[in-house]
PDB file of N, CA and C in Angstrom:
ATOM      1  N   MET A   1      42.098   2.904 -43.056  1.00  0.00           N
ATOM      2  CA  MET A   1      41.647   3.611 -42.563  1.00  0.00           C
ATOM      3  C   MET A   1      40.305   4.307 -43.174  1.00  0.00           C
ATOM      4  N   LYS A   2      38.989   3.983 -42.794  1.00  0.00           N
ATOM      5  CA  LYS A   2      37.813   4.612 -43.470  1.00  0.00           C
ATOM      6  C   LYS A   2      37.767   5.680 -42.919  1.00  0.00           C
ATOM      7  N   PHE A   3      36.955   6.852 -43.847  1.00  0.00           N
ATOM      8  CA  PHE A   3      36.521   8.054 -42.930  1.00  0.00           C
ATOM      9  C   PHE A   3      35.128   8.235 -43.875  1.00  0.00           C
ATOM     10  N   PHE A   4      34.156   8.776 -43.049  1.00  0.00           N
ATOM     11  CA  PHE A   4      32.846   9.460 -43.338  1.00  0.00           C
ATOM     12  C   PHE A   4      33.462  10.887 -43.699  1.00  0.00           C
ATOM     13  N   ILE A   5      33.297  11.404 -44.595  1.00  0.00           N
ATOM     14  CA  ILE A   5      33.606  13.057 -45.116  1.00  0.00           C
ATOM     15  C   ILE A   5      31.890  13.350 -45.500  1.00  0.00           C
ATOM     16  N   ASP A   6      31.669  14.682 -44.601  1.00  0.00           N
ATOM     17  CA  ASP A   6      30.471  15.595 -45.232  1.00  0.00           C
ATOM     18  C   ASP A   6      30.760  16.850 -45.442  1.00  0.00           C
ATOM     19  N   SER A   7      30.539  17.331 -46.134  1.00  0.00           N
ATOM     20  CA  SER A   7      30.774  18.704 -46.940  1.00  0.00           C
ATOM     21  C   SER A   7      30.075  19.510 -47.474  1.00  0.00           C
ATOM     22  N   LYS A   8      29.327  20.364 -46.913  1.00  0.00           N
ATOM     23  CA  LYS A   8      28.763  21.477 -47.350  1.00  0.00           C
ATOM     24  C   LYS A   8      29.146  22.937 -47.815  1.00  0.00           C
ATOM     25  N   ARG A   9      27.981  23.746 -48.299  1.00  0.00           N
ATOM     26  CA  ARG A   9      28.265  24.974 -48.083  1.00  0.00           C
ATOM     27  C   ARG A   9      27.719  25.360 -47.552  1.00  0.00           C
ATOM     28  N   PRO A  10      27.802  26.251 -46.703  1.00  0.00           N
ATOM     29  CA  PRO A  10      27.748  26.945 -45.491  1.00  0.00           C
ATOM     30  C   PRO A  10      25.895  27.942 -45.940  1.00  0.00           C
ATOM     31  N   ILE A  11      25.143  27.009 -44.551  1.00  0.00           N
ATOM     32  CA  ILE A  11      23.876  27.898 -44.397  1.00  0.00           C
ATOM     33  C   ILE A  11      23.500  29.439 -45.298  1.00  0.00           C
ATOM     34  N   ASP A  12      24.397  30.561 -45.182  1.00  0.00           N
ATOM     35  CA  ASP A  12      23.805  31.848 -45.198  1.00  0.00           C
ATOM     36  C   ASP A  12      24.896  32.190 -46.526  1.00  0.00           C
ATOM     37  N   ALA A  13      25.438  31.141 -47.003  1.00  0.00           N
ATOM     38  CA  ALA A  13      25.905  31.555 -48.630  1.00  0.00           C
ATOM     39  C   ALA A  13      24.770  30.859 -49.915  1.00  0.00           C
ATOM     40  N   SER A  14      24.636  31.971 -50.327  1.00  0.00           N
ATOM     41  CA  SER A  14      23.963  31.920 -51.862  1.00  0.00           C
ATOM     42  C   SER A  14      24.328  30.678 -52.487  1.00  0.00           C
ATOM     43  N   THR A  15      23.437  30.362 -53.134  1.00  0.00           N
ATOM     44  CA  THR A  15      23.472  28.723 -54.186  1.00  0.00           C
ATOM     45  C   THR A  15      23.459  28.775 -55.505  1.00  0.00           C
ATOM     46  N   ASP A  16      24.191  29.446 -56.256  1.00  0.00           N
ATOM     47  CA  ASP A  16      23.738  28.541 -57.773  1.00  0.00           C
ATOM     48  C   ASP A  16      24.074  27.724 -58.371  1.00  0.00           C
ATOM     49  N   ILE A  17      23.453  26.684 -57.824  1.00  0.00           N
ATOM     50  CA  ILE A  17      23.431  25.217 -58.165  1.00  0.00           C
ATOM     51  C   ILE A  17      23.903  24.736 -59.971  1.00  0.00           C
ATOM     52  N   GLU A  18      23.170  25.556 -60.654  1.00  0.00           N
ATOM     53  CA  GLU A  18      23.426  25.382 -62.055  1.00  0.00           C
ATOM     54  C   GLU A  18      25.156  25.632 -62.360  1.00  0.00           C
ATOM     55  N   ARG A  19      25.490  26.975 -61.548  1.00  0.00           N
ATOM     56  CA  ARG A  19      26.981  26.866 -61.766  1.00  0.00           C
ATOM     57  C   ARG A  19      27.913  26.387 -61.358  1.00  0.00           C
ATOM     58  N   GLU A  20      27.050  26.083 -59.923  1.00  0.00           N
ATOM     59  CA  GLU A  20      28.406  25.384 -58.849  1.00  0.00           C
ATOM     60  C   GLU A  20      28.590  23.638 -58.862  1.00  0.00           C
ATOM     61  N   MET A  21      27.283  23.001 -59.826  1.00  0.00           N
ATOM     62  CA  MET A  21      27.565  21.519 -59.790  1.00  0.00           C
ATOM     63  C   MET A  21      28.167  21.520 -60.185  1.00  0.00           C
ATOM     64  N   PRO A  22      29.090  21.751 -61.763  1.00  0.00           N
ATOM     65  CA  PRO A  22      29.921  20.969 -62.253  1.00  0.00           C
ATOM     66  C   PRO A  22      31.549  21.241 -61.586  1.00  0.00           C
ATOM     67  N   ALA A  23      31.796  22.761 -61.403  1.00  0.00           N
ATOM     68  CA  ALA A  23      32.766  22.103 -60.369  1.00  0.00           C
ATOM     69  C   ALA A  23      32.849  21.235 -58.936  1.00  0.00           C
ATOM     70  N   ARG A  24      31.887  21.073 -58.528  1.00  0.00           N
ATOM     71  CA  ARG A  24      31.544  19.832 -57.721  1.00  0.00           C
ATOM     72  C   ARG A  24      32.130  18.246 -57.965  1.00  0.00           C
ATOM     73  N   ILE A  25      31.410  18.556 -59.462  1.00  0.00           N
ATOM     74  CA  ILE A  25      31.554  17.199 -59.976  1.00  0.00           C
ATOM     75  C   ILE A  25      33.118  16.562 -60.392  1.00  0.00           C
ATOM     76  N   GLU A  26      33.685  18.094 -60.832  1.00  0.00           N
ATOM     77  CA  GLU A  26      35.277  17.510 -60.672  1.00  0.00           C
ATOM     78  C   GLU A  26      35.681  17.562 -59.859  1.00  0.00           C
ATOM     79  N   VAL A  27      35.662  17.949 -58.275  1.00  0.00           N
ATOM     80  CA  VAL A  27      35.905  17.422 -57.434  1.00  0.00           C
ATOM     81  C   VAL A  27      36.078  16.254 -56.838  1.00  0.00           C
ATOM     82  N   ALA A  28      34.886  15.825 -56.821  1.00  0.00           N
ATOM     83  CA  ALA A  28      34.341  14.668 -56.593  1.00  0.00           C
ATOM     84  C   ALA A  28      35.033  13.023 -57.956  1.00  0.00           C
ATOM     85  N   ALA A  29      35.188  14.092 -58.618  1.00  0.00           N
ATOM     86  CA  ALA A  29      36.177  12.871 -60.017  1.00  0.00           C
ATOM     87  C   ALA A  29      37.383  12.859 -59.927  1.00  0.00           C
ATOM     88  N   LEU A  30      38.083  13.318 -59.274  1.00  0.00           N
ATOM     89  CA  LEU A  30      39.425  14.291 -58.676  1.00  0.00           C
ATOM     90  C   LEU A  30      39.542  12.893 -57.308  1.00  0.00           C
ATOM     91  N   ILE A  31      38.790  13.464 -56.464  1.00  0.00           N
ATOM     92  CA  ILE A  31      38.659  12.598 -55.224  1.00  0.00           C
ATOM     93  C   ILE A  31      38.472  10.480 -55.524  1.00  0.00           C
ATOM     94  N   ARG A  32      37.484  10.321 -56.345  1.00  0.00           N
ATOM     95  CA  ARG A  32      37.605   9.032 -57.010  1.00  0.00           C
ATOM     96  C   ARG A  32      38.960   8.647 -57.706  1.00  0.00           C
ATOM     97  N   LYS A  33      39.173   9.397 -58.558  1.00  0.00           N
ATOM     98  CA  LYS A  33      40.417   9.142 -59.336  1.00  0.00           C
ATOM     99  C   LYS A  33      41.643   8.240 -58.567  1.00  0.00           C
ATOM    100  N   HIS A  34      42.015   9.566 -57.541  1.00  0.00           N
ATOM    101  CA  HIS A  34      43.297   9.146 -56.825  1.00  0.00           C
ATOM    102  C   HIS A  34      42.850   8.819 -55.425  1.00  0.00           C
ATOM    103  N   TYR A  35      41.513   8.221 -54.773  1.00  0.00           N
ATOM    104  CA  TYR A  35      41.292   7.454 -53.586  1.00  0.00           C
ATOM    105  C   TYR A  35      40.581   6.539 -53.916  1.00  0.00           C
ATOM    106  N   ARG A  36      40.845   5.591 -52.874  1.00  0.00           N
ATOM    107  CA  ARG A  36      39.853   4.685 -52.515  1.00  0.00           C
ATOM    108  C   ARG A  36      38.138   4.750 -52.278  1.00  0.00           C
ATOM    109  N   THR A  37      37.072   4.929 -52.967  1.00  0.00           N
ATOM    110  CA  THR A  37      35.992   5.676 -52.624  1.00  0.00           C
ATOM    111  C   THR A  37      34.852   4.534 -52.790  1.00  0.00           C
ATOM    112  N   ASP A  38      34.414   4.840 -51.397  1.00  0.00           N
ATOM    113  CA  ASP A  38      33.293   3.654 -51.043  1.00  0.00           C
ATOM    114  C   ASP A  38      32.246   4.008 -51.928  1.00  0.00           C
ATOM    115  N   VAL A  39      31.676   5.299 -51.021  1.00  0.00           N
ATOM    116  CA  VAL A  39      30.652   6.086 -51.500  1.00  0.00           C
ATOM    117  C   VAL A  39      30.694   7.283 -51.625  1.00  0.00           C
ATOM    118  N   HIS A  40      29.721   8.191 -53.053  1.00  0.00           N
ATOM    119  CA  HIS A  40      29.590   9.220 -52.510  1.00  0.00           C
ATOM    120  C   HIS A  40      28.383   9.847 -53.092  1.00  0.00           C
ATOM    121  N   TYR A  41      28.114  10.557 -52.402  1.00  0.00           N
ATOM    122  CA  TYR A  41      26.489  11.433 -52.622  1.00  0.00           C
ATOM    123  C   TYR A  41      26.661  12.274 -53.128  1.00  0.00           C
ATOM    124  N   PHE A  42      25.870  13.410 -53.569  1.00  0.00           N
ATOM    125  CA  PHE A  42      25.450  15.046 -53.289  1.00  0.00           C
ATOM    126  C   PHE A  42      24.529  15.262 -53.147  1.00  0.00           C
ATOM    127  N   TYR A  43      24.520  16.677 -51.851  1.00  0.00           N
ATOM    128  CA  TYR A  43      23.179  17.357 -51.618  1.00  0.00           C
ATOM    129  C   TYR A  43      23.107  18.166 -52.870  1.00  0.00           C
ATOM    130  N   ALA A  44      21.829  18.148 -53.431  1.00  0.00           N
ATOM    131  CA  ALA A  44      21.224  18.867 -54.346  1.00  0.00           C
ATOM    132  C   ALA A  44      21.060  20.121 -54.028  1.00  0.00           C
ATOM    133  N   ASP A  45      20.382  20.194 -52.882  1.00  0.00           N
ATOM    134  CA  ASP A  45      19.772  21.596 -52.344  1.00  0.00           C
ATOM    135  C   ASP A  45      21.189  22.874 -51.559  1.00  0.00           C
ATOM    136  N   ARG A  46      21.934  21.836 -51.527  1.00  0.00           N
ATOM    137  CA  ARG A  46      23.241  22.544 -50.921  1.00  0.00           C
ATOM    138  C   ARG A  46      24.399  22.254 -51.466  1.00  0.00           C
ATOM    139  N   VAL A  47      24.851  22.126 -52.471  1.00  0.00           N
ATOM    140  CA  VAL A  47      25.503  21.578 -53.543  1.00  0.00           C
ATOM    141  C   VAL A  47      26.952  21.339 -52.877  1.00  0.00           C
ATOM    142  N   GLY A  48      26.424  20.520 -51.500  1.00  0.00           N
ATOM    143  CA  GLY A  48      27.748  19.470 -50.922  1.00  0.00           C
ATOM    144  C   GLY A  48      27.927  17.992 -51.266  1.00  0.00           C
ATOM    145  N   MET A  49      28.463  17.370 -50.602  1.00  0.00           N
ATOM    146  CA  MET A  49      28.736  15.936 -50.811  1.00  0.00           C
ATOM    147  C   MET A  49      29.241  15.071 -49.716  1.00  0.00           C
ATOM    148  N   ILE A  50      28.792  13.788 -49.654  1.00  0.00           N
ATOM    149  CA  ILE A  50      29.058  13.038 -48.724  1.00  0.00           C
ATOM    150  C   ILE A  50      30.099  12.163 -49.424  1.00  0.00           C
ATOM    151  N   LEU A  51      31.268  11.531 -48.381  1.00  0.00           N
ATOM    152  CA  LEU A  51      32.208  10.655 -49.185  1.00  0.00           C
ATOM    153  C   LEU A  51      31.983   9.726 -47.980  1.00  0.00           C
ATOM    154  N   ILE A  52      32.730   8.358 -48.321  1.00  0.00           N
ATOM    155  CA  ILE A  52      33.406   7.229 -47.678  1.00  0.00           C
ATOM    156  C   ILE A  52      34.566   6.691 -47.916  1.00  0.00           C
ATOM    157  N   VAL A  53      35.487   7.115 -47.835  1.00  0.00           N
ATOM    158  CA  VAL A  53      36.924   6.704 -48.234  1.00  0.00           C
ATOM    159  C   VAL A  53      38.054   5.786 -47.551  1.00  0.00           C
ATOM    160  N   ASP A  54      38.717   5.404 -48.673  1.00  0.00           N
ATOM    161  CA  ASP A  54      39.631   4.397 -47.520  1.00  0.00           C
ATOM    162  C   ASP A  54      41.044   5.029 -47.839  1.00  0.00           C
ATOM    163  N   LEU A  55      41.503   5.384 -46.854  1.00  0.00           N
ATOM    164  CA  LEU A  55      42.643   6.035 -46.666  1.00  0.00           C
ATOM    165  C   LEU A  55      44.028   5.181 -46.074  1.00  0.00           C
ATOM    166  N   ASP A  56      45.138   5.865 -46.576  1.00  0.00           N
ATOM    167  CA  ASP A  56      46.249   4.828 -46.131  1.00  0.00           C
ATOM    168  C   ASP A  56      46.823   5.936 -44.775  1.00  0.00           C
ATOM    169  N   ASP A  57      46.369   7.236 -44.787  1.00  0.00           N
ATOM    170  CA  ASP A  57      47.064   7.899 -43.832  1.00  0.00           C
ATOM    171  C   ASP A  57      46.522   9.544 -43.588  1.00  0.00           C
ATOM    172  N   ALA A  58      47.832   9.878 -42.473  1.00  0.00           N
ATOM    173  CA  ALA A  58      46.511  11.648 -42.580  1.00  0.00           C
ATOM    174  C   ALA A  58      47.010  12.158 -43.581  1.00  0.00           C
ATOM    175  N   VAL A  59      48.469  12.309 -44.693  1.00  0.00           N
ATOM    176  CA  VAL A  59      48.539  13.124 -45.464  1.00  0.00           C
ATOM    177  C   VAL A  59      47.205  12.906 -46.784  1.00  0.00           C
ATOM    178  N   GLN A  60      47.147  11.998 -47.284  1.00  0.00           N
ATOM    179  CA  GLN A  60      45.490  11.804 -47.420  1.00  0.00           C
ATOM    180  C   GLN A  60      44.050  12.549 -47.311  1.00  0.00           C
ATOM    181  N   LEU A  61      43.981  12.313 -45.878  1.00  0.00           N
ATOM    182  CA  LEU A  61      42.778  13.344 -45.415  1.00  0.00           C
ATOM    183  C   LEU A  61      42.945  14.500 -45.989  1.00  0.00           C
ATOM    184  N   SER A  62      44.033  14.860 -45.168  1.00  0.00           N
ATOM    185  CA  SER A  62      44.404  16.126 -45.654  1.00  0.00           C
ATOM    186  C   SER A  62      44.105  16.909 -46.781  1.00  0.00           C
ATOM    187  N   GLU A  63      44.228  16.233 -47.814  1.00  0.00           N
ATOM    188  CA  GLU A  63      44.580  16.749 -49.496  1.00  0.00           C
ATOM    189  C   GLU A  63      43.251  16.422 -49.845  1.00  0.00           C
ATOM    190  N   ILE A  64      42.305  15.819 -49.551  1.00  0.00           N
ATOM    191  CA  ILE A  64      41.097  15.772 -49.537  1.00  0.00           C
ATOM    192  C   ILE A  64      40.285  16.940 -48.699  1.00  0.00           C
ATOM    193  N   ILE A  65      40.459  16.849 -47.963  1.00  0.00           N
ATOM    194  CA  ILE A  65      39.781  18.051 -47.309  1.00  0.00           C
ATOM    195  C   ILE A  65      40.283  19.218 -47.922  1.00  0.00           C
ATOM    196  N   LEU A  66      41.520  19.452 -47.826  1.00  0.00           N
ATOM    197  CA  LEU A  66      41.985  21.131 -48.816  1.00  0.00           C
ATOM    198  C   LEU A  66      41.444  20.585 -49.668  1.00  0.00           C
ATOM    199  N   LEU A  67      40.961  19.801 -50.575  1.00  0.00           N
ATOM    200  CA  LEU A  67      40.111  19.829 -52.367  1.00  0.00           C
ATOM    201  C   LEU A  67      38.941  20.734 -51.802  1.00  0.00           C
ATOM    202  N   LEU A  68      38.249  19.987 -51.089  1.00  0.00           N
ATOM    203  CA  LEU A  68      36.928  20.338 -50.545  1.00  0.00           C
ATOM    204  C   LEU A  68      36.869  21.923 -50.038  1.00  0.00           C
ATOM    205  N   ARG A  69      37.887  22.214 -49.471  1.00  0.00           N
ATOM    206  CA  ARG A  69      37.448  23.549 -49.015  1.00  0.00           C
ATOM    207  C   ARG A  69      37.893  24.159 -49.995  1.00  0.00           C
ATOM    208  N   ARG A  70      39.047  24.318 -51.233  1.00  0.00           N
ATOM    209  CA  ARG A  70      39.527  25.037 -52.154  1.00  0.00           C
ATOM    210  C   ARG A  70      38.329  25.036 -53.114  1.00  0.00           C
ATOM    211  N   ALA A  71      36.993  23.953 -53.177  1.00  0.00           N
ATOM    212  CA  ALA A  71      35.850  23.707 -53.942  1.00  0.00           C
ATOM    213  C   ALA A  71      34.924  25.065 -52.443  1.00  0.00           C
ATOM    214  N   GLY A  72      34.813  25.296 -51.975  1.00  0.00           N
ATOM    215  CA  GLY A  72      34.196  26.228 -51.389  1.00  0.00           C
ATOM    216  C   GLY A  72      32.398  25.432 -50.541  1.00  0.00           C
ATOM    217  N   LEU A  73      33.814  24.212 -50.249  1.00  0.00           N
ATOM    218  CA  LEU A  73      32.750  23.710 -49.094  1.00  0.00           C
ATOM    219  C   LEU A  73      33.400  23.346 -47.821  1.00  0.00           C
ATOM    220  N   ASN A  74      32.399  23.290 -46.855  1.00  0.00           N
ATOM    221  CA  ASN A  74      32.648  23.106 -45.389  1.00  0.00           C
ATOM    222  C   ASN A  74      33.215  21.425 -44.954  1.00  0.00           C
ATOM    223  N   PRO A  75      34.150  21.008 -45.338  1.00  0.00           N
ATOM    224  CA  PRO A  75      34.157  19.205 -44.904  1.00  0.00           C
ATOM    225  C   PRO A  75      34.091  19.108 -43.349  1.00  0.00           C
ATOM    226  N   GLU A  76      33.540  18.146 -42.906  1.00  0.00           N
ATOM    227  CA  GLU A  76      33.857  17.780 -41.829  1.00  0.00           C
ATOM    228  C   GLU A  76      34.227  16.094 -41.721  1.00  0.00           C
ATOM    229  N   ALA A  77      35.439  15.602 -41.105  1.00  0.00           N
ATOM    230  CA  ALA A  77      35.502  14.002 -41.318  1.00  0.00           C
ATOM    231  C   ALA A  77      35.226  13.070 -39.756  1.00  0.00           C
ATOM    232  N   TYR A  78      34.938  12.098 -40.216  1.00  0.00           N
ATOM    233  CA  TYR A  78      34.692  11.371 -39.033  1.00  0.00           C
ATOM    234  C   TYR A  78      35.552  10.046 -39.471  1.00  0.00           C
ATOM    235  N   PRO A  79      36.375   9.166 -38.630  1.00  0.00           N
ATOM    236  CA  PRO A  79      36.486   8.135 -38.867  1.00  0.00           C
ATOM    237  C   PRO A  79      35.855   6.749 -38.689  1.00  0.00           C
ATOM    238  N   VAL A  80      35.010   5.795 -39.494  1.00  0.00           N
ATOM    239  CA  VAL A  80      34.791   4.880 -39.308  1.00  0.00           C
ATOM    240  C   VAL A  80      35.264   3.770 -38.795  1.00  0.00           C
ATOM    241  N   LEU A  81      34.452   3.195 -37.601  1.00  0.00           N
ATOM    242  CA  LEU A  81      35.235   2.114 -36.657  1.00  0.00           C
ATOM    243  C   LEU A  81      34.795   1.101 -37.135  1.00  0.00           C
ATOM    244  N   GLU A  82      35.881  -0.124 -37.271  1.00  0.00           N
ATOM    245  CA  GLU A  82      35.456  -1.348 -37.505  1.00  0.00           C
ATOM    246  C   GLU A  82      34.522  -1.948 -36.412  1.00  0.00           C
ATOM    247  N   GLY A  83      33.389  -3.022 -37.019  1.00  0.00           N
ATOM    248  CA  GLY A  83      32.086  -2.902 -35.791  1.00  0.00           C
ATOM    249  C   GLY A  83      31.476  -2.394 -35.390  1.00  0.00           C
ATOM    250  N   GLY A  84      31.503  -1.168 -36.127  1.00  0.00           N
ATOM    251  CA  GLY A  84      30.353  -0.439 -35.723  1.00  0.00           C
ATOM    252  C   GLY A  84      29.646  -0.167 -37.283  1.00  0.00           C
ATOM    253  N   PRO A  85      28.658   0.631 -37.549  1.00  0.00           N
ATOM    254  CA  PRO A  85      27.297   0.723 -38.468  1.00  0.00           C
ATOM    255  C   PRO A  85      27.763   0.534 -40.224  1.00  0.00           C
ATOM    256  N   THR A  86      27.147  -0.507 -40.316  1.00  0.00           N
ATOM    257  CA  THR A  86      27.627  -0.723 -41.876  1.00  0.00           C
ATOM    258  C   THR A  86      27.315   0.379 -42.687  1.00  0.00           C
ATOM    259  N   MET A  87      27.813   0.572 -44.145  1.00  0.00           N
ATOM    260  CA  MET A  87      28.101   1.965 -44.706  1.00  0.00           C
ATOM    261  C   MET A  87      26.436   2.078 -45.435  1.00  0.00           C
ATOM    262  N   SER A  88      25.848   1.136 -45.382  1.00  0.00           N
ATOM    263  CA  SER A  88      24.166   1.119 -45.699  1.00  0.00           C
ATOM    264  C   SER A  88      23.436   1.890 -44.874  1.00  0.00           C
ATOM    265  N   GLN A  89      23.823   1.520 -43.403  1.00  0.00           N
ATOM    266  CA  GLN A  89      23.509   1.981 -42.195  1.00  0.00           C
ATOM    267  C   GLN A  89      23.557   3.134 -42.031  1.00  0.00           C
ATOM    268  N   VAL A  90      24.686   4.035 -42.392  1.00  0.00           N
ATOM    269  CA  VAL A  90      25.640   5.178 -42.046  1.00  0.00           C
ATOM    270  C   VAL A  90      24.190   6.357 -42.974  1.00  0.00           C
ATOM    271  N   LEU A  91      24.251   5.677 -44.343  1.00  0.00           N
ATOM    272  CA  LEU A  91      23.893   6.348 -45.578  1.00  0.00           C
ATOM    273  C   LEU A  91      22.448   6.722 -45.444  1.00  0.00           C
ATOM    274  N   LEU A  92      21.768   5.714 -44.636  1.00  0.00           N
ATOM    275  CA  LEU A  92      20.198   5.809 -44.197  1.00  0.00           C
ATOM    276  C   LEU A  92      19.987   6.406 -42.807  1.00  0.00           C
ATOM    277  N   ASP A  93      21.103   6.825 -42.162  1.00  0.00           N
ATOM    278  CA  ASP A  93      20.893   7.978 -41.037  1.00  0.00           C
ATOM    279  C   ASP A  93      20.969   9.217 -41.725  1.00  0.00           C
ATOM    280  N   VAL A  94      22.001   9.253 -42.067  1.00  0.00           N
ATOM    281  CA  VAL A  94      22.348  10.485 -42.698  1.00  0.00           C
ATOM    282  C   VAL A  94      21.128  10.924 -43.848  1.00  0.00           C
ATOM    283  N   ALA A  95      20.170  10.473 -44.475  1.00  0.00           N
ATOM    284  CA  ALA A  95      19.143  10.568 -45.577  1.00  0.00           C
ATOM    285  C   ALA A  95      18.196  10.558 -44.547  1.00  0.00           C
ATOM    286  N   ALA A  96      17.658  10.048 -43.506  1.00  0.00           N
ATOM    287  CA  ALA A  96      17.210  10.624 -42.160  1.00  0.00           C
ATOM    288  C   ALA A  96      16.662  12.335 -41.343  1.00  0.00           C
ATOM    289  N   MET A  97      18.192  12.431 -42.117  1.00  0.00           N
ATOM    290  CA  MET A  97      18.944  13.281 -40.910  1.00  0.00           C
ATOM    291  C   MET A  97      18.150  14.700 -41.904  1.00  0.00           C
ATOM    292  N   GLU A  98      17.750  14.462 -43.696  1.00  0.00           N
ATOM    293  CA  GLU A  98      17.786  15.716 -44.044  1.00  0.00           C
ATOM    294  C   GLU A  98      16.260  16.015 -44.389  1.00  0.00           C
TER     295      GLU A  98
END
């Protein structure tokens, strides 16, 4: 099943992009290496990321959520339903929210 995962730093947390971005890139690389990632996108201003991943079970979702939490991000995961909007439409909708 595919999941849309949106993870950001808390709004009230201070962000040092230069210092924190390498750690976020490392987490994204780990996720891409071990899971089937359709899309990944980084928030430049809050050092967060959006992922769309195809997972086999709840254990894999828990592992990704744990990786993102350890990286200091607040992840939110939503199932992507078949017959729903296309991946490109999801990304366009998220970009419009910014």
